[in-house]
Amino acid sequence: MDPALESDVFARACTSRLVLQDVTGRWGALALGALHEGPARFNALRRRVDGVSEKMLAQTLQALERDGFVVRDVQGTIPPKVEYRLTPLGARLAEQLVALIELVEGSMGEVLAAQAAYDATRD
């Protein structure tokens, strides 16, 4: 790898921090997780990612498209049909995010117990 292209997310000026922020932000992770299930139109994604505003989803998808994780396909139908899908890079990333999501979901019993124990010491 070209040394000029090496990334170190822990370095303040590293551009990978911005990409990591796009991916791991609340809406980025959820949009990528939803698209891991398959291509989707905007409104279907908005329904799947419950609670996201239209504006935030649009901004999130634009950032993920710019980063190379998502492709916006505009089909020449009347009216135009727009669909979002993962790129091969996005699919690899989403696979890892889905594993993390499943780990968190599967660990909620332990998390809730830890939160209750922590809160009990703070009262």
N, C-alpha and C. Protein backbone atom coordinates (compact mmCIF):
# COMPACT_ATOMS: atom_id res chain seq x y z
N MET A 1 0.84 -1.18 0.00
CA MET A 1 0.00 0.00 0.00
C MET A 1 0.88 1.24 0.00
N ASP A 2 0.48 2.23 -0.75
CA ASP A 2 1.19 3.49 -0.81
C ASP A 2 1.17 4.14 0.57
N PRO A 3 2.35 4.48 1.14
CA PRO A 3 2.39 5.08 2.47
C PRO A 3 1.54 6.35 2.57
N ALA A 4 1.40 7.09 1.47
CA ALA A 4 0.60 8.31 1.49
C ALA A 4 -0.89 8.00 1.65
N LEU A 5 -1.28 6.76 1.37
CA LEU A 5 -2.68 6.37 1.47
C LEU A 5 -3.00 5.61 2.74
N GLU A 6 -2.02 5.41 3.59
CA GLU A 6 -2.27 4.68 4.83
C GLU A 6 -3.16 5.51 5.75
N SER A 7 -4.09 4.84 6.38
CA SER A 7 -5.02 5.51 7.28
C SER A 7 -4.75 5.10 8.71
N ASP A 8 -4.95 6.04 9.61
CA ASP A 8 -4.86 5.78 11.04
C ASP A 8 -6.01 6.55 11.68
N VAL A 9 -7.09 5.85 11.93
CA VAL A 9 -8.30 6.49 12.44
C VAL A 9 -8.07 7.20 13.77
N PHE A 10 -7.03 6.84 14.48
CA PHE A 10 -6.74 7.48 15.75
C PHE A 10 -5.99 8.80 15.59
N ALA A 11 -5.49 9.07 14.38
CA ALA A 11 -4.81 10.34 14.11
C ALA A 11 -5.86 11.42 13.82
N ARG A 12 -5.71 12.56 14.44
CA ARG A 12 -6.70 13.64 14.35
C ARG A 12 -7.05 14.03 12.91
N ALA A 13 -6.09 14.11 12.04
CA ALA A 13 -6.32 14.60 10.69
C ALA A 13 -6.65 13.49 9.69
N CYS A 14 -6.77 12.28 10.15
CA CYS A 14 -7.00 11.16 9.23
C CYS A 14 -8.41 11.25 8.63
N THR A 15 -8.47 11.18 7.31
CA THR A 15 -9.76 11.28 6.62
C THR A 15 -10.65 10.06 6.87
N SER A 16 -10.06 8.96 7.34
CA SER A 16 -10.89 7.79 7.62
C SER A 16 -11.85 8.05 8.78
N ARG A 17 -11.55 9.03 9.62
CA ARG A 17 -12.46 9.37 10.73
C ARG A 17 -13.82 9.81 10.20
N LEU A 18 -13.81 10.61 9.14
CA LEU A 18 -15.07 11.09 8.57
C LEU A 18 -15.87 9.94 7.98
N VAL A 19 -15.19 9.02 7.33
CA VAL A 19 -15.86 7.85 6.76
C VAL A 19 -16.42 6.99 7.89
N LEU A 20 -15.63 6.78 8.92
CA LEU A 20 -16.10 6.01 10.07
C LEU A 20 -17.33 6.66 10.69
N GLN A 21 -17.34 7.97 10.74
CA GLN A 21 -18.49 8.69 11.27
C GLN A 21 -19.72 8.46 10.40
N ASP A 22 -19.57 8.48 9.08
CA ASP A 22 -20.69 8.21 8.17
C ASP A 22 -21.26 6.81 8.39
N VAL A 23 -20.36 5.85 8.60
CA VAL A 23 -20.76 4.45 8.72
C VAL A 23 -21.36 4.14 10.09
N THR A 24 -20.75 4.68 11.14
CA THR A 24 -21.15 4.28 12.49
C THR A 24 -22.15 5.23 13.13
N GLY A 25 -22.46 6.31 12.47
CA GLY A 25 -23.51 7.17 12.99
C GLY A 25 -24.81 6.38 13.02
N ARG A 26 -25.74 6.83 13.85
CA ARG A 26 -26.98 6.07 14.03
C ARG A 26 -27.65 5.73 12.70
N TRP A 27 -27.81 6.71 11.84
CA TRP A 27 -28.57 6.46 10.61
C TRP A 27 -27.73 5.72 9.57
N GLY A 28 -26.42 5.95 9.53
CA GLY A 28 -25.58 5.24 8.58
C GLY A 28 -25.57 3.74 8.83
N ALA A 29 -25.37 3.36 10.07
CA ALA A 29 -25.34 1.93 10.41
C ALA A 29 -26.68 1.28 10.12
N LEU A 30 -27.78 1.98 10.44
CA LEU A 30 -29.09 1.39 10.22
C LEU A 30 -29.44 1.32 8.73
N ALA A 31 -29.06 2.33 7.97
CA ALA A 31 -29.31 2.31 6.52
C ALA A 31 -28.51 1.18 5.86
N LEU A 32 -27.25 1.04 6.24
CA LEU A 32 -26.44 -0.04 5.68
C LEU A 32 -27.00 -1.40 6.09
N GLY A 33 -27.43 -1.53 7.34
CA GLY A 33 -28.03 -2.78 7.79
C GLY A 33 -29.30 -3.11 7.02
N ALA A 34 -30.11 -2.10 6.77
CA ALA A 34 -31.35 -2.31 6.01
C ALA A 34 -31.05 -2.69 4.56
N LEU A 35 -30.07 -2.03 3.96
CA LEU A 35 -29.72 -2.35 2.57
C LEU A 35 -29.03 -3.70 2.46
N HIS A 36 -28.50 -4.20 3.56
CA HIS A 36 -27.93 -5.55 3.56
C HIS A 36 -29.02 -6.58 3.25
N GLU A 37 -30.26 -6.24 3.56
CA GLU A 37 -31.39 -7.12 3.28
C GLU A 37 -31.76 -7.13 1.80
N GLY A 38 -31.26 -6.15 1.04
CA GLY A 38 -31.51 -6.09 -0.39
C GLY A 38 -31.78 -4.66 -0.83
N PRO A 39 -31.75 -4.42 -2.15
CA PRO A 39 -32.02 -3.08 -2.67
C PRO A 39 -33.39 -2.59 -2.21
N ALA A 40 -33.50 -1.27 -2.08
CA ALA A 40 -34.76 -0.71 -1.61
C ALA A 40 -34.96 0.69 -2.16
N ARG A 41 -36.20 1.06 -2.32
CA ARG A 41 -36.55 2.43 -2.68
C ARG A 41 -36.49 3.28 -1.41
N PHE A 42 -36.44 4.59 -1.62
CA PHE A 42 -36.27 5.53 -0.52
C PHE A 42 -37.33 5.35 0.56
N ASN A 43 -38.59 5.34 0.18
CA ASN A 43 -39.66 5.25 1.18
C ASN A 43 -39.67 3.91 1.90
N ALA A 44 -39.28 2.85 1.21
CA ALA A 44 -39.17 1.54 1.88
C ALA A 44 -38.05 1.58 2.92
N LEU A 45 -36.95 2.23 2.58
CA LEU A 45 -35.85 2.38 3.54
C LEU A 45 -36.29 3.23 4.73
N ARG A 46 -37.03 4.26 4.45
CA ARG A 46 -37.49 5.14 5.54
C ARG A 46 -38.42 4.38 6.49
N ARG A 47 -39.26 3.52 5.95
CA ARG A 47 -40.12 2.71 6.82
C ARG A 47 -39.30 1.70 7.61
N ARG A 48 -38.29 1.12 6.98
CA ARG A 48 -37.46 0.10 7.64
C ARG A 48 -36.63 0.71 8.76
N VAL A 49 -36.09 1.90 8.52
CA VAL A 49 -35.27 2.60 9.51
C VAL A 49 -36.21 3.53 10.28
N ASP A 50 -36.99 2.95 11.12
CA ASP A 50 -38.04 3.66 11.85
C ASP A 50 -37.46 4.82 12.65
N GLY A 51 -38.06 6.01 12.48
CA GLY A 51 -37.64 7.17 13.25
C GLY A 51 -36.75 8.14 12.50
N VAL A 52 -36.20 7.74 11.37
CA VAL A 52 -35.34 8.65 10.61
C VAL A 52 -36.21 9.62 9.81
N SER A 53 -35.82 10.88 9.79
CA SER A 53 -36.55 11.86 8.99
C SER A 53 -36.14 11.71 7.53
N GLU A 54 -36.97 12.24 6.67
CA GLU A 54 -36.67 12.20 5.23
C GLU A 54 -35.35 12.91 4.95
N LYS A 55 -35.16 14.07 5.58
CA LYS A 55 -33.94 14.86 5.38
C LYS A 55 -32.71 14.09 5.84
N MET A 56 -32.77 13.49 7.03
CA MET A 56 -31.60 12.77 7.55
C MET A 56 -31.28 11.54 6.71
N LEU A 57 -32.32 10.83 6.26
CA LEU A 57 -32.07 9.66 5.42
C LEU A 57 -31.44 10.08 4.10
N ALA A 58 -31.94 11.16 3.51
CA ALA A 58 -31.37 11.64 2.24
C ALA A 58 -29.90 12.02 2.43
N GLN A 59 -29.59 12.75 3.51
CA GLN A 59 -28.21 13.15 3.78
C GLN A 59 -27.32 11.93 4.03
N THR A 60 -27.85 10.97 4.76
CA THR A 60 -27.09 9.76 5.07
C THR A 60 -26.79 8.98 3.80
N LEU A 61 -27.79 8.80 2.96
CA LEU A 61 -27.59 8.05 1.72
C LEU A 61 -26.61 8.77 0.79
N GLN A 62 -26.66 10.09 0.76
CA GLN A 62 -25.70 10.85 -0.06
C GLN A 62 -24.27 10.64 0.45
N ALA A 63 -24.09 10.68 1.76
CA ALA A 63 -22.76 10.47 2.33
C ALA A 63 -22.26 9.07 2.03
N LEU A 64 -23.13 8.07 2.19
CA LEU A 64 -22.73 6.68 1.92
C LEU A 64 -22.46 6.45 0.44
N GLU A 65 -23.19 7.15 -0.41
CA GLU A 65 -22.94 7.06 -1.85
C GLU A 65 -21.59 7.70 -2.17
N ARG A 66 -21.32 8.85 -1.59
CA ARG A 66 -20.04 9.53 -1.81
C ARG A 66 -18.86 8.67 -1.35
N ASP A 67 -19.05 7.95 -0.24
CA ASP A 67 -17.99 7.10 0.31
C ASP A 67 -17.82 5.80 -0.48
N GLY A 68 -18.73 5.51 -1.39
CA GLY A 68 -18.61 4.31 -2.21
C GLY A 68 -19.29 3.08 -1.64
N PHE A 69 -20.17 3.25 -0.67
CA PHE A 69 -20.86 2.11 -0.06
C PHE A 69 -22.23 1.85 -0.66
N VAL A 70 -22.83 2.87 -1.25
CA VAL A 70 -24.19 2.77 -1.76
C VAL A 70 -24.23 3.31 -3.17
N VAL A 71 -25.08 2.70 -4.00
CA VAL A 71 -25.33 3.19 -5.35
C VAL A 71 -26.79 3.60 -5.44
N ARG A 72 -27.02 4.74 -6.04
CA ARG A 72 -28.39 5.23 -6.29
C ARG A 72 -28.69 4.96 -7.75
N ASP A 73 -29.62 4.04 -7.99
CA ASP A 73 -30.00 3.68 -9.36
C ASP A 73 -31.29 4.40 -9.73
N VAL A 74 -31.21 5.24 -10.76
CA VAL A 74 -32.40 5.91 -11.27
C VAL A 74 -32.80 5.20 -12.55
N GLN A 75 -33.97 4.61 -12.54
CA GLN A 75 -34.46 3.88 -13.71
C GLN A 75 -35.32 4.81 -14.55
N GLY A 76 -35.16 4.73 -15.84
CA GLY A 76 -35.82 5.64 -16.77
C GLY A 76 -37.28 5.32 -17.01
N THR A 77 -38.02 5.09 -15.98
CA THR A 77 -39.45 4.84 -16.12
C THR A 77 -40.21 6.14 -15.86
N ILE A 78 -41.49 6.13 -16.14
CA ILE A 78 -42.33 7.28 -15.85
C ILE A 78 -43.38 6.83 -14.86
N PRO A 79 -43.40 7.36 -13.64
CA PRO A 79 -42.40 8.28 -13.08
C PRO A 79 -41.10 7.55 -12.82
N PRO A 80 -40.00 8.30 -12.70
CA PRO A 80 -38.71 7.66 -12.46
C PRO A 80 -38.73 6.84 -11.17
N LYS A 81 -38.10 5.69 -11.20
CA LYS A 81 -37.98 4.82 -10.03
C LYS A 81 -36.54 4.89 -9.55
N VAL A 82 -36.36 5.24 -8.29
CA VAL A 82 -35.03 5.33 -7.70
C VAL A 82 -34.89 4.24 -6.67
N GLU A 83 -33.80 3.50 -6.78
CA GLU A 83 -33.55 2.40 -5.85
C GLU A 83 -32.12 2.52 -5.35
N TYR A 84 -31.93 2.15 -4.10
CA TYR A 84 -30.60 2.16 -3.48
C TYR A 84 -30.15 0.73 -3.26
N ARG A 85 -28.86 0.51 -3.49
CA ARG A 85 -28.30 -0.82 -3.24
C ARG A 85 -26.85 -0.64 -2.78
N LEU A 86 -26.35 -1.68 -2.15
CA LEU A 86 -24.96 -1.67 -1.69
C LEU A 86 -24.01 -1.96 -2.84
N THR A 87 -22.86 -1.32 -2.80
CA THR A 87 -21.77 -1.68 -3.70
C THR A 87 -21.10 -2.93 -3.11
N PRO A 88 -20.19 -3.55 -3.82
CA PRO A 88 -19.45 -4.67 -3.21
C PRO A 88 -18.74 -4.25 -1.91
N LEU A 89 -18.16 -3.06 -1.90
CA LEU A 89 -17.54 -2.56 -0.67
C LEU A 89 -18.58 -2.36 0.42
N GLY A 90 -19.71 -1.79 0.06
CA GLY A 90 -20.80 -1.59 1.02
C GLY A 90 -21.33 -2.91 1.57
N ALA A 91 -21.39 -3.93 0.71
CA ALA A 91 -21.87 -5.24 1.16
C ALA A 91 -20.91 -5.85 2.18
N ARG A 92 -19.60 -5.70 1.94
CA ARG A 92 -18.62 -6.21 2.91
C ARG A 92 -18.74 -5.47 4.24
N LEU A 93 -18.90 -4.17 4.16
CA LEU A 93 -19.04 -3.36 5.37
C LEU A 93 -20.34 -3.70 6.09
N ALA A 94 -21.44 -3.80 5.36
CA ALA A 94 -22.74 -4.08 5.97
C ALA A 94 -22.74 -5.45 6.65
N GLU A 95 -22.03 -6.40 6.09
CA GLU A 95 -21.95 -7.72 6.70
C GLU A 95 -21.35 -7.63 8.10
N GLN A 96 -20.31 -6.82 8.24
CA GLN A 96 -19.68 -6.62 9.56
C GLN A 96 -20.62 -5.87 10.50
N LEU A 97 -21.31 -4.86 9.99
CA LEU A 97 -22.24 -4.10 10.82
C LEU A 97 -23.41 -4.96 11.28
N VAL A 98 -23.92 -5.81 10.41
CA VAL A 98 -25.02 -6.69 10.78
C VAL A 98 -24.57 -7.66 11.87
N ALA A 99 -23.33 -8.14 11.79
CA ALA A 99 -22.81 -9.01 12.85
C ALA A 99 -22.76 -8.24 14.17
N LEU A 100 -22.34 -6.99 14.14
CA LEU A 100 -22.31 -6.16 15.35
C LEU A 100 -23.73 -5.92 15.87
N ILE A 101 -24.66 -5.60 14.98
CA ILE A 101 -26.05 -5.39 15.37
C ILE A 101 -26.62 -6.65 16.03
N GLU A 102 -26.36 -7.80 15.44
CA GLU A 102 -26.85 -9.06 16.01
C GLU A 102 -26.22 -9.34 17.37
N LEU A 103 -24.94 -9.01 17.52
CA LEU A 103 -24.28 -9.19 18.81
C LEU A 103 -24.93 -8.31 19.87
N VAL A 104 -25.19 -7.05 19.53
CA VAL A 104 -25.83 -6.13 20.48
C VAL A 104 -27.24 -6.62 20.82
N GLU A 105 -28.02 -6.96 19.81
CA GLU A 105 -29.39 -7.43 20.05
C GLU A 105 -29.40 -8.69 20.91
N GLY A 106 -28.48 -9.60 20.64
CA GLY A 106 -28.41 -10.85 21.38
C GLY A 106 -27.87 -10.71 22.79
N SER A 107 -27.27 -9.58 23.08
CA SER A 107 -26.67 -9.35 24.39
C SER A 107 -27.49 -8.42 25.27
N MET A 108 -28.68 -8.08 24.86
CA MET A 108 -29.46 -7.08 25.58
C MET A 108 -29.80 -7.50 27.01
N GLY A 109 -29.96 -8.79 27.25
CA GLY A 109 -30.20 -9.24 28.63
C GLY A 109 -29.04 -8.86 29.53
N GLU A 110 -27.82 -9.12 29.08
CA GLU A 110 -26.62 -8.77 29.84
C GLU A 110 -26.47 -7.26 29.98
N VAL A 111 -26.77 -6.54 28.90
CA VAL A 111 -26.65 -5.08 28.92
C VAL A 111 -27.62 -4.49 29.92
N LEU A 112 -28.87 -4.93 29.88
CA LEU A 112 -29.88 -4.40 30.80
C LEU A 112 -29.51 -4.70 32.25
N ALA A 113 -28.96 -5.90 32.51
CA ALA A 113 -28.54 -6.25 33.86
C ALA A 113 -27.38 -5.35 34.30
N ALA A 114 -26.43 -5.11 33.42
CA ALA A 114 -25.29 -4.24 33.74
C ALA A 114 -25.76 -2.82 34.00
N GLN A 115 -26.71 -2.33 33.19
CA GLN A 115 -27.23 -0.98 33.39
C GLN A 115 -27.94 -0.86 34.72
N ALA A 116 -28.73 -1.87 35.06
CA ALA A 116 -29.46 -1.85 36.33
C ALA A 116 -28.48 -1.86 37.51
N ALA A 117 -27.44 -2.68 37.42
CA ALA A 117 -26.44 -2.75 38.49
C ALA A 117 -25.71 -1.41 38.62
N TYR A 118 -25.34 -0.82 37.51
CA TYR A 118 -24.66 0.47 37.52
C TYR A 118 -25.56 1.55 38.12
N ASP A 119 -26.80 1.60 37.65
CA ASP A 119 -27.75 2.60 38.14
C ASP A 119 -28.01 2.44 39.64
N ALA A 120 -28.02 1.22 40.11
CA ALA A 120 -28.27 0.96 41.54
C ALA A 120 -27.16 1.54 42.41
N THR A 121 -25.95 1.61 41.88
CA THR A 121 -24.83 2.17 42.65
C THR A 121 -24.81 3.69 42.60
N ARG A 122 -25.59 4.29 41.74
CA ARG A 122 -25.60 5.74 41.57
C ARG A 122 -26.75 6.43 42.28
N ASP A 123 -27.69 5.67 42.78
CA ASP A 123 -28.87 6.27 43.44
C ASP A 123 -28.61 6.67 44.85
